[in-house]
Amino acid sequence: MVRSGKNQTLTEDAPTIVLIKPQLPENIGMVARAMANFGLTKLRLVRPREKFPCKQAYAVAKKADHLIDNAVVFNDMRDAIADINYVLATTARARDGFKPVASAVESARALRLREQSGERTAILFGCERFGLSNEEISLADEIVTFPVSPTFSSLNIAQAVLLMSYEWMKSSLIKDTETVFRAPRILQAGKETLHGFFAQLEEMLDVRGYFRPQERKEVMISNLRSILTRAGFSDNEVKLLRGIISSLDRFSPQKPRGSGAHRIVS
């Protein structure tokens, strides 16, 4: 091991992210940022190409500086995972028959169960140019891959970490539709209020000759009501719309559509 982080205490119930031979310090900073977004705090590096830590990593880590501070650097991958019970290796390339393969969703759930049972887990990510070698993957327990486009399967290392970190966080939710916040629920207007709006609008349209041909009037009204009920207007929104219609009625000539222009004879 080359350098110990300022705080080597492992956070419980969270996998360690291990970057194998990362090339760009900026990518390490973006990895730290992605991890922090989803509550992962343990970062290990194996033989980074550039001296670490460095200002380039801090520059892109934003408020995830603590992950850079506490990252641990190793000379050898075996040392980096020596205290780990279960290791996942990420790859976009097929390794037929080499290791069991799972999706990110399945792997995150498996990691969650193992962490809850007291095991230490880790996820390996290869260098930006080549990914993980077969030798490196041979030291892992399972392969995890992502359903990317077969025509372009190359993921930036920070993107790959972000995907796994997201799935890890999602695996802790009771419902995978949960979110941090939602828009306030708007109480829909009562049907009586809505029917009054319909009556006002339909009367104005009728006066102006909108419902043509006349025999299609009922169908046109039904379609209009269907569109307007779909929006789920609140009382205040209906009042606003009725005010707009009243304003147009007040300042528009009461003239049916198609009645022709009035000719002024001098």
C-alpha atoms as a PDB file:
ATOM      1  CA  MET A   1       0.000   0.000   0.000  1.00  0.00           C
ATOM      2  CA  VAL A   2       1.353   3.424  -0.940  1.00  0.00           C
ATOM      3  CA  ARG A   3      -0.753   5.880   1.039  1.00  0.00           C
ATOM      4  CA  SER A   4      -3.401   5.588   3.696  1.00  0.00           C
ATOM      5  CA  GLY A   5      -6.415   7.845   3.722  1.00  0.00           C
ATOM      6  CA  LYS A   6      -6.994  10.267   6.589  1.00  0.00           C
ATOM      7  CA  ASN A   7      -9.747   7.979   7.839  1.00  0.00           C
ATOM      8  CA  GLN A   8      -9.498   4.304   6.967  1.00  0.00           C
ATOM      9  CA  THR A   9     -12.541   3.245   8.994  1.00  0.00           C
ATOM     10  CA  LEU A  10     -14.907   1.372   6.698  1.00  0.00           C
ATOM     11  CA  THR A  11     -18.429   2.735   6.530  1.00  0.00           C
ATOM     12  CA  GLU A  12     -20.869  -0.036   7.340  1.00  0.00           C
ATOM     13  CA  ASP A  13     -23.362  -1.302   4.789  1.00  0.00           C
ATOM     14  CA  ALA A  14     -21.748   0.201   1.692  1.00  0.00           C
ATOM     15  CA  PRO A  15     -19.459  -1.311  -0.955  1.00  0.00           C
ATOM     16  CA  THR A  16     -15.941  -0.057  -1.617  1.00  0.00           C
ATOM     17  CA  ILE A  17     -15.243   1.367  -5.066  1.00  0.00           C
ATOM     18  CA  VAL A  18     -11.878   0.180  -6.422  1.00  0.00           C
ATOM     19  CA  LEU A  19     -10.385   1.878  -9.490  1.00  0.00           C
ATOM     20  CA  ILE A  20      -7.701  -0.171 -11.224  1.00  0.00           C
ATOM     21  CA  LYS A  21      -4.953   1.935 -12.831  1.00  0.00           C
ATOM     22  CA  PRO A  22      -7.039   5.094 -13.362  1.00  0.00           C
ATOM     23  CA  GLN A  23      -5.373   7.354 -15.894  1.00  0.00           C
ATOM     24  CA  LEU A  24      -6.875  10.813 -15.448  1.00  0.00           C
ATOM     25  CA  PRO A  25      -7.114  12.580 -12.071  1.00  0.00           C
ATOM     26  CA  GLU A  26     -10.227  14.383 -13.342  1.00  0.00           C
ATOM     27  CA  ASN A  27     -11.966  11.021 -13.727  1.00  0.00           C
ATOM     28  CA  ILE A  28     -11.113  10.143 -10.133  1.00  0.00           C
ATOM     29  CA  GLY A  29     -12.688  13.417  -9.019  1.00  0.00           C
ATOM     30  CA  MET A  30     -15.829  12.708 -11.052  1.00  0.00           C
ATOM     31  CA  VAL A  31     -15.986   9.203  -9.578  1.00  0.00           C
ATOM     32  CA  ALA A  32     -15.851  10.709  -6.082  1.00  0.00           C
ATOM     33  CA  ARG A  33     -18.671  13.078  -6.978  1.00  0.00           C
ATOM     34  CA  ALA A  34     -20.802  10.244  -8.383  1.00  0.00           C
ATOM     35  CA  MET A  35     -20.219   8.157  -5.258  1.00  0.00           C
ATOM     36  CA  ALA A  36     -21.127  11.019  -2.934  1.00  0.00           C
ATOM     37  CA  ASN A  37     -24.406  11.564  -4.821  1.00  0.00           C
ATOM     38  CA  PHE A  38     -25.589   8.137  -3.698  1.00  0.00           C
ATOM     39  CA  GLY A  39     -23.999   7.753  -0.288  1.00  0.00           C
ATOM     40  CA  LEU A  40     -20.855   5.742  -1.093  1.00  0.00           C
ATOM     41  CA  THR A  41     -17.744   6.892   0.764  1.00  0.00           C
ATOM     42  CA  LYS A  42     -15.018   4.236   0.395  1.00  0.00           C
ATOM     43  CA  LEU A  43     -12.647   4.753  -2.533  1.00  0.00           C
ATOM     44  CA  ARG A  44      -9.495   2.784  -3.297  1.00  0.00           C
ATOM     45  CA  LEU A  45      -7.072   3.279  -6.170  1.00  0.00           C
ATOM     46  CA  VAL A  46      -4.638   0.759  -7.600  1.00  0.00           C
ATOM     47  CA  ARG A  47      -1.586   2.288  -9.261  1.00  0.00           C
ATOM     48  CA  PRO A  48      -3.073   5.564 -10.553  1.00  0.00           C
ATOM     49  CA  ARG A  49      -1.036   6.933 -13.456  1.00  0.00           C
ATOM     50  CA  GLU A  50      -0.766  10.441 -12.010  1.00  0.00           C
ATOM     51  CA  LYS A  51       0.430  11.408  -8.553  1.00  0.00           C
ATOM     52  CA  PHE A  52      -2.465  11.311  -6.128  1.00  0.00           C
ATOM     53  CA  PRO A  53      -4.039  13.242  -4.520  1.00  0.00           C
ATOM     54  CA  CYS A  54      -3.837  16.173  -6.899  1.00  0.00           C
ATOM     55  CA  LYS A  55      -5.588  19.448  -7.571  1.00  0.00           C
ATOM     56  CA  GLN A  56      -7.216  18.185 -10.787  1.00  0.00           C
ATOM     57  CA  ALA A  57      -9.165  15.553  -8.844  1.00  0.00           C
ATOM     58  CA  TYR A  58     -10.272  18.075  -6.232  1.00  0.00           C
ATOM     59  CA  ALA A  59     -11.296  20.561  -8.922  1.00  0.00           C
ATOM     60  CA  VAL A  60     -14.011  18.303 -10.346  1.00  0.00           C
ATOM     61  CA  ALA A  61     -15.029  16.550  -7.121  1.00  0.00           C
ATOM     62  CA  LYS A  62     -17.029  19.624  -6.030  1.00  0.00           C
ATOM     63  CA  LYS A  63     -18.183  18.918  -2.462  1.00  0.00           C
ATOM     64  CA  ALA A  64     -16.910  15.332  -2.483  1.00  0.00           C
ATOM     65  CA  ASP A  65     -13.427  16.375  -1.348  1.00  0.00           C
ATOM     66  CA  HIS A  66     -13.712  14.076   1.663  1.00  0.00           C
ATOM     67  CA  LEU A  67     -13.670  11.059  -0.660  1.00  0.00           C
ATOM     68  CA  ILE A  68     -10.431  12.272  -2.227  1.00  0.00           C
ATOM     69  CA  ASP A  69      -8.996  12.937   1.243  1.00  0.00           C
ATOM     70  CA  ASN A  70      -9.874   9.450   2.463  1.00  0.00           C
ATOM     71  CA  ALA A  71      -9.022   7.488  -0.693  1.00  0.00           C
ATOM     72  CA  VAL A  72      -6.420   4.757  -0.186  1.00  0.00           C
ATOM     73  CA  VAL A  73      -3.793   4.018  -2.831  1.00  0.00           C
ATOM     74  CA  PHE A  74      -2.377   0.511  -3.410  1.00  0.00           C
ATOM     75  CA  ASN A  75       0.404  -0.878  -5.566  1.00  0.00           C
ATOM     76  CA  ASP A  76      -1.329  -4.188  -6.132  1.00  0.00           C
ATOM     77  CA  MET A  77      -4.945  -5.171  -6.732  1.00  0.00           C
ATOM     78  CA  ARG A  78      -4.641  -8.191  -4.437  1.00  0.00           C
ATOM     79  CA  ASP A  79      -3.774  -5.892  -1.538  1.00  0.00           C
ATOM     80  CA  ALA A  80      -6.656  -3.563  -2.436  1.00  0.00           C
ATOM     81  CA  ILE A  81      -9.216  -6.336  -2.002  1.00  0.00           C
ATOM     82  CA  ALA A  82      -7.446  -8.436   0.641  1.00  0.00           C
ATOM     83  CA  ASP A  83      -9.963  -7.561   3.387  1.00  0.00           C
ATOM     84  CA  ILE A  84     -13.021  -7.862   1.087  1.00  0.00           C
ATOM     85  CA  ASN A  85     -15.368 -10.871   1.204  1.00  0.00           C
ATOM     86  CA  TYR A  86     -17.221 -10.402  -2.082  1.00  0.00           C
ATOM     87  CA  VAL A  87     -15.973  -8.624  -5.203  1.00  0.00           C
ATOM     88  CA  LEU A  88     -17.841  -7.571  -8.354  1.00  0.00           C
ATOM     89  CA  ALA A  89     -16.011  -6.773 -11.600  1.00  0.00           C
ATOM     90  CA  THR A  90     -17.609  -4.386 -14.084  1.00  0.00           C
ATOM     91  CA  THR A  91     -17.185  -4.920 -17.815  1.00  0.00           C
ATOM     92  CA  ALA A  92     -18.950  -4.084 -21.065  1.00  0.00           C
ATOM     93  CA  ARG A  93     -17.322  -6.970 -22.960  1.00  0.00           C
ATOM     94  CA  ALA A  94     -18.647 -10.513 -22.946  1.00  0.00           C
ATOM     95  CA  ARG A  95     -16.397 -13.009 -21.110  1.00  0.00           C
ATOM     96  CA  ASP A  96     -18.158 -16.211 -22.119  1.00  0.00           C
ATOM     97  CA  GLY A  97     -18.109 -18.826 -19.386  1.00  0.00           C
ATOM     98  CA  PHE A  98     -15.511 -16.876 -17.462  1.00  0.00           C
ATOM     99  CA  LYS A  99     -17.602 -15.810 -14.469  1.00  0.00           C
ATOM    100  CA  PRO A 100     -21.269 -15.597 -13.479  1.00  0.00           C
ATOM    101  CA  VAL A 101     -22.788 -12.464 -15.021  1.00  0.00           C
ATOM    102  CA  ALA A 102     -25.515 -10.273 -13.480  1.00  0.00           C
ATOM    103  CA  SER A 103     -27.186  -6.964 -14.264  1.00  0.00           C
ATOM    104  CA  ALA A 104     -26.555  -3.857 -12.208  1.00  0.00           C
ATOM    105  CA  VAL A 105     -29.972  -4.228 -10.559  1.00  0.00           C
ATOM    106  CA  GLU A 106     -29.318  -7.833  -9.512  1.00  0.00           C
ATOM    107  CA  SER A 107     -25.791  -7.050  -8.364  1.00  0.00           C
ATOM    108  CA  ALA A 108     -26.864  -4.093  -6.230  1.00  0.00           C
ATOM    109  CA  ARG A 109     -29.438  -6.238  -4.440  1.00  0.00           C
ATOM    110  CA  ALA A 110     -26.850  -8.961  -3.867  1.00  0.00           C
ATOM    111  CA  LEU A 111     -24.396  -6.413  -2.474  1.00  0.00           C
ATOM    112  CA  ARG A 112     -27.073  -5.042  -0.161  1.00  0.00           C
ATOM    113  CA  LEU A 113     -27.852  -8.494   1.270  1.00  0.00           C
ATOM    114  CA  ARG A 114     -24.187  -9.324   1.774  1.00  0.00           C
ATOM    115  CA  GLU A 115     -23.425  -6.018   3.473  1.00  0.00           C
ATOM    116  CA  GLN A 116     -26.415  -6.477   5.767  1.00  0.00           C
ATOM    117  CA  SER A 117     -25.097  -9.900   6.747  1.00  0.00           C
ATOM    118  CA  GLY A 118     -21.739  -8.407   7.731  1.00  0.00           C
ATOM    119  CA  GLU A 119     -19.684  -9.094   4.610  1.00  0.00           C
ATOM    120  CA  ARG A 120     -17.407  -6.480   3.111  1.00  0.00           C
ATOM    121  CA  THR A 121     -18.026  -5.912  -0.587  1.00  0.00           C
ATOM    122  CA  ALA A 122     -16.254  -4.094  -3.402  1.00  0.00           C
ATOM    123  CA  ILE A 123     -16.830  -3.171  -7.034  1.00  0.00           C
ATOM    124  CA  LEU A 124     -13.894  -3.112  -9.455  1.00  0.00           C
ATOM    125  CA  PHE A 125     -13.616  -0.654 -12.343  1.00  0.00           C
ATOM    126  CA  GLY A 126     -10.854  -0.923 -14.943  1.00  0.00           C
ATOM    127  CA  CYS A 127      -8.713   1.784 -16.484  1.00  0.00           C
ATOM    128  CA  GLU A 128     -10.298   4.167 -18.974  1.00  0.00           C
ATOM    129  CA  ARG A 129      -8.520   2.746 -22.017  1.00  0.00           C
ATOM    130  CA  PHE A 130      -8.774  -1.017 -21.603  1.00  0.00           C
ATOM    131  CA  GLY A 131     -11.149  -1.749 -18.743  1.00  0.00           C
ATOM    132  CA  LEU A 132     -10.423  -4.790 -16.602  1.00  0.00           C
ATOM    133  CA  SER A 133      -8.143  -7.550 -17.838  1.00  0.00           C
ATOM    134  CA  ASN A 134      -9.107 -11.226 -17.588  1.00  0.00           C
ATOM    135  CA  GLU A 135      -6.453 -11.621 -14.903  1.00  0.00           C
ATOM    136  CA  GLU A 136      -8.041  -8.867 -12.833  1.00  0.00           C
ATOM    137  CA  ILE A 137     -11.527 -10.259 -13.349  1.00  0.00           C
ATOM    138  CA  SER A 138     -10.298 -13.707 -12.304  1.00  0.00           C
ATOM    139  CA  LEU A 139      -9.877 -12.346  -8.757  1.00  0.00           C
ATOM    140  CA  ALA A 140     -13.528 -11.227  -8.592  1.00  0.00           C
ATOM    141  CA  ASP A 141     -16.520 -13.357  -7.643  1.00  0.00           C
ATOM    142  CA  GLU A 142     -18.942 -12.181 -10.302  1.00  0.00           C
ATOM    143  CA  ILE A 143     -19.243  -9.927 -13.337  1.00  0.00           C
ATOM    144  CA  VAL A 144     -21.688  -7.030 -13.532  1.00  0.00           C
ATOM    145  CA  THR A 145     -22.555  -5.400 -16.840  1.00  0.00           C
ATOM    146  CA  PHE A 146     -24.933  -2.748 -18.169  1.00  0.00           C
ATOM    147  CA  PRO A 147     -27.499  -2.949 -20.995  1.00  0.00           C
ATOM    148  CA  VAL A 148     -25.715  -0.418 -23.205  1.00  0.00           C
ATOM    149  CA  SER A 149     -26.063  -0.078 -26.967  1.00  0.00           C
ATOM    150  CA  PRO A 150     -24.115  -2.833 -28.770  1.00  0.00           C
ATOM    151  CA  THR A 151     -22.986  -0.250 -31.324  1.00  0.00           C
ATOM    152  CA  PHE A 152     -21.354   1.897 -28.642  1.00  0.00           C
ATOM    153  CA  SER A 153     -20.716   0.144 -25.355  1.00  0.00           C
ATOM    154  CA  SER A 154     -17.897   2.326 -24.034  1.00  0.00           C
ATOM    155  CA  LEU A 155     -18.742   3.977 -20.703  1.00  0.00           C
ATOM    156  CA  ASN A 156     -16.678   6.648 -19.015  1.00  0.00           C
ATOM    157  CA  ILE A 157     -15.433   5.301 -15.679  1.00  0.00           C
ATOM    158  CA  ALA A 158     -17.375   7.945 -13.735  1.00  0.00           C
ATOM    159  CA  GLN A 159     -20.536   7.037 -15.660  1.00  0.00           C
ATOM    160  CA  ALA A 160     -20.094   3.374 -14.776  1.00  0.00           C
ATOM    161  CA  VAL A 161     -19.566   4.233 -11.101  1.00  0.00           C
ATOM    162  CA  LEU A 162     -22.621   6.482 -11.189  1.00  0.00           C
ATOM    163  CA  LEU A 163     -24.797   3.671 -12.574  1.00  0.00           C
ATOM    164  CA  MET A 164     -23.685   1.193  -9.906  1.00  0.00           C
ATOM    165  CA  SER A 165     -23.967   3.796  -7.133  1.00  0.00           C
ATOM    166  CA  TYR A 166     -27.491   4.646  -8.269  1.00  0.00           C
ATOM    167  CA  GLU A 167     -28.547   0.996  -8.296  1.00  0.00           C
ATOM    168  CA  TRP A 168     -26.983   0.554  -4.852  1.00  0.00           C
ATOM    169  CA  MET A 169     -29.005   3.449  -3.447  1.00  0.00           C
ATOM    170  CA  LYS A 170     -32.173   2.239  -5.192  1.00  0.00           C
ATOM    171  CA  SER A 171     -31.788  -1.227  -3.658  1.00  0.00           C
ATOM    172  CA  SER A 172     -32.417   0.311  -0.220  1.00  0.00           C
ATOM    173  CA  LEU A 173     -35.777   1.795  -1.190  1.00  0.00           C
ATOM    174  CA  ILE A 174     -39.059   0.123  -0.289  1.00  0.00           C
ATOM    175  CA  LYS A 175     -40.357   1.224  -3.674  1.00  0.00           C
ATOM    176  CA  ASP A 176     -38.035   1.930  -6.585  1.00  0.00           C
ATOM    177  CA  THR A 177     -40.328   4.819  -7.573  1.00  0.00           C
ATOM    178  CA  GLU A 178     -39.389   6.808  -4.458  1.00  0.00           C
ATOM    179  CA  THR A 179     -37.786  10.199  -4.991  1.00  0.00           C
ATOM    180  CA  VAL A 180     -36.339  12.975  -2.852  1.00  0.00           C
ATOM    181  CA  PHE A 181     -39.212  15.373  -3.493  1.00  0.00           C
ATOM    182  CA  ARG A 182     -42.412  15.666  -5.483  1.00  0.00           C
ATOM    183  CA  ALA A 183     -44.477  18.560  -6.738  1.00  0.00           C
ATOM    184  CA  PRO A 184     -47.249  19.581  -4.329  1.00  0.00           C
ATOM    185  CA  ARG A 185     -50.507  17.825  -5.041  1.00  0.00           C
ATOM    186  CA  ILE A 186     -53.042  20.195  -6.581  1.00  0.00           C
ATOM    187  CA  LEU A 187     -56.672  19.744  -5.552  1.00  0.00           C
ATOM    188  CA  GLN A 188     -58.789  19.463  -8.674  1.00  0.00           C
ATOM    189  CA  ALA A 189     -61.760  21.739  -9.145  1.00  0.00           C
ATOM    190  CA  GLY A 190     -65.173  20.329  -8.272  1.00  0.00           C
ATOM    191  CA  LYS A 191     -67.321  19.131 -11.130  1.00  0.00           C
ATOM    192  CA  GLU A 192     -69.858  21.916 -10.580  1.00  0.00           C
ATOM    193  CA  THR A 193     -67.119  24.505 -11.102  1.00  0.00           C
ATOM    194  CA  LEU A 194     -65.891  22.677 -14.200  1.00  0.00           C
ATOM    195  CA  HIS A 195     -69.407  22.378 -15.649  1.00  0.00           C
ATOM    196  CA  GLY A 196     -69.901  26.125 -15.229  1.00  0.00           C
ATOM    197  CA  PHE A 197     -66.693  26.695 -17.188  1.00  0.00           C
ATOM    198  CA  PHE A 198     -67.873  24.351 -19.944  1.00  0.00           C
ATOM    199  CA  ALA A 199     -71.212  26.135 -20.189  1.00  0.00           C
ATOM    200  CA  GLN A 200     -69.558  29.547 -20.492  1.00  0.00           C
ATOM    201  CA  LEU A 201     -67.058  28.399 -23.123  1.00  0.00           C
ATOM    202  CA  GLU A 202     -69.602  26.438 -25.158  1.00  0.00           C
ATOM    203  CA  GLU A 203     -72.040  29.368 -25.176  1.00  0.00           C
ATOM    204  CA  MET A 204     -69.378  31.743 -26.486  1.00  0.00           C
ATOM    205  CA  LEU A 205     -68.268  29.300 -29.156  1.00  0.00           C
ATOM    206  CA  ASP A 206     -71.872  28.695 -30.203  1.00  0.00           C
ATOM    207  CA  VAL A 207     -72.563  32.440 -30.553  1.00  0.00           C
ATOM    208  CA  ARG A 208     -69.535  32.783 -32.806  1.00  0.00           C
ATOM    209  CA  GLY A 209     -70.540  29.923 -35.075  1.00  0.00           C
ATOM    210  CA  TYR A 210     -67.775  27.554 -33.999  1.00  0.00           C
ATOM    211  CA  PHE A 211     -69.907  24.401 -34.052  1.00  0.00           C
ATOM    212  CA  ARG A 212     -70.167  23.742 -37.761  1.00  0.00           C
ATOM    213  CA  PRO A 213     -71.744  21.754 -39.258  1.00  0.00           C
ATOM    214  CA  GLN A 214     -74.492  21.956 -36.662  1.00  0.00           C
ATOM    215  CA  GLU A 215     -75.167  18.226 -36.722  1.00  0.00           C
ATOM    216  CA  ARG A 216     -71.634  17.641 -35.347  1.00  0.00           C
ATOM    217  CA  LYS A 217     -72.112  19.992 -32.422  1.00  0.00           C
ATOM    218  CA  GLU A 218     -72.601  17.252 -29.805  1.00  0.00           C
ATOM    219  CA  VAL A 219     -69.506  15.360 -30.966  1.00  0.00           C
ATOM    220  CA  MET A 220     -67.413  18.543 -30.945  1.00  0.00           C
ATOM    221  CA  ILE A 221     -68.604  19.440 -27.450  1.00  0.00           C
ATOM    222  CA  SER A 222     -67.772  15.929 -26.182  1.00  0.00           C
ATOM    223  CA  ASN A 223     -64.279  16.150 -27.653  1.00  0.00           C
ATOM    224  CA  LEU A 224     -63.759  19.608 -26.159  1.00  0.00           C
ATOM    225  CA  ARG A 225     -64.842  18.466 -22.693  1.00  0.00           C
ATOM    226  CA  SER A 226     -62.579  15.402 -22.939  1.00  0.00           C
ATOM    227  CA  ILE A 227     -59.563  17.597 -23.638  1.00  0.00           C
ATOM    228  CA  LEU A 228     -60.350  20.051 -20.841  1.00  0.00           C
ATOM    229  CA  THR A 229     -61.050  17.400 -18.184  1.00  0.00           C
ATOM    230  CA  ARG A 230     -57.733  15.691 -18.957  1.00  0.00           C
ATOM    231  CA  ALA A 231     -55.780  18.649 -17.559  1.00  0.00           C
ATOM    232  CA  GLY A 232     -57.141  18.331 -14.001  1.00  0.00           C
ATOM    233  CA  PHE A 233     -57.570  22.091 -13.473  1.00  0.00           C
ATOM    234  CA  SER A 234     -57.723  23.488  -9.945  1.00  0.00           C
ATOM    235  CA  ASP A 235     -60.376  26.011  -8.804  1.00  0.00           C
ATOM    236  CA  ASN A 236     -57.951  28.898  -9.302  1.00  0.00           C
ATOM    237  CA  GLU A 237     -57.009  27.708 -12.772  1.00  0.00           C
ATOM    238  CA  VAL A 238     -60.686  27.476 -13.788  1.00  0.00           C
ATOM    239  CA  LYS A 239     -61.262  30.990 -12.433  1.00  0.00           C
ATOM    240  CA  LEU A 240     -58.304  32.219 -14.478  1.00  0.00           C
ATOM    241  CA  LEU A 241     -59.619  30.610 -17.663  1.00  0.00           C
ATOM    242  CA  ARG A 242     -63.123  31.955 -17.096  1.00  0.00           C
ATOM    243  CA  GLY A 243     -61.677  35.429 -16.554  1.00  0.00           C
ATOM    244  CA  ILE A 244     -59.786  35.197 -19.840  1.00  0.00           C
ATOM    245  CA  ILE A 245     -62.926  34.087 -21.683  1.00  0.00           C
ATOM    246  CA  SER A 246     -64.981  36.874 -20.101  1.00  0.00           C
ATOM    247  CA  SER A 247     -62.334  39.409 -21.154  1.00  0.00           C
ATOM    248  CA  LEU A 248     -62.382  38.163 -24.744  1.00  0.00           C
ATOM    249  CA  ASP A 249     -66.182  38.245 -24.713  1.00  0.00           C
ATOM    250  CA  ARG A 250     -66.229  41.800 -23.407  1.00  0.00           C
ATOM    251  CA  PHE A 251     -63.829  43.248 -25.947  1.00  0.00           C
ATOM    252  CA  SER A 252     -64.616  41.135 -29.027  1.00  0.00           C
ATOM    253  CA  PRO A 253     -67.347  41.903 -31.580  1.00  0.00           C
ATOM    254  CA  GLN A 254     -70.357  39.600 -31.172  1.00  0.00           C
ATOM    255  CA  LYS A 255     -70.155  38.326 -34.694  1.00  0.00           C
ATOM    256  CA  PRO A 256     -70.638  34.729 -35.874  1.00  0.00           C
ATOM    257  CA  ARG A 257     -67.744  33.143 -37.747  1.00  0.00           C
ATOM    258  CA  GLY A 258     -68.115  33.331 -41.511  1.00  0.00           C
ATOM    259  CA  SER A 259     -70.668  36.129 -41.454  1.00  0.00           C
ATOM    260  CA  GLY A 260     -68.449  38.287 -43.638  1.00  0.00           C
ATOM    261  CA  ALA A 261     -67.075  41.790 -43.178  1.00  0.00           C
ATOM    262  CA  HIS A 262     -69.453  44.767 -42.926  1.00  0.00           C
ATOM    263  CA  ARG A 263     -69.107  46.985 -45.935  1.00  0.00           C
ATOM    264  CA  ILE A 264     -69.277  50.699 -45.239  1.00  0.00           C
ATOM    265  CA  VAL A 265     -70.947  52.650 -48.028  1.00  0.00           C
ATOM    266  CA  SER A 266     -70.154  56.317 -48.169  1.00  0.00           C
END
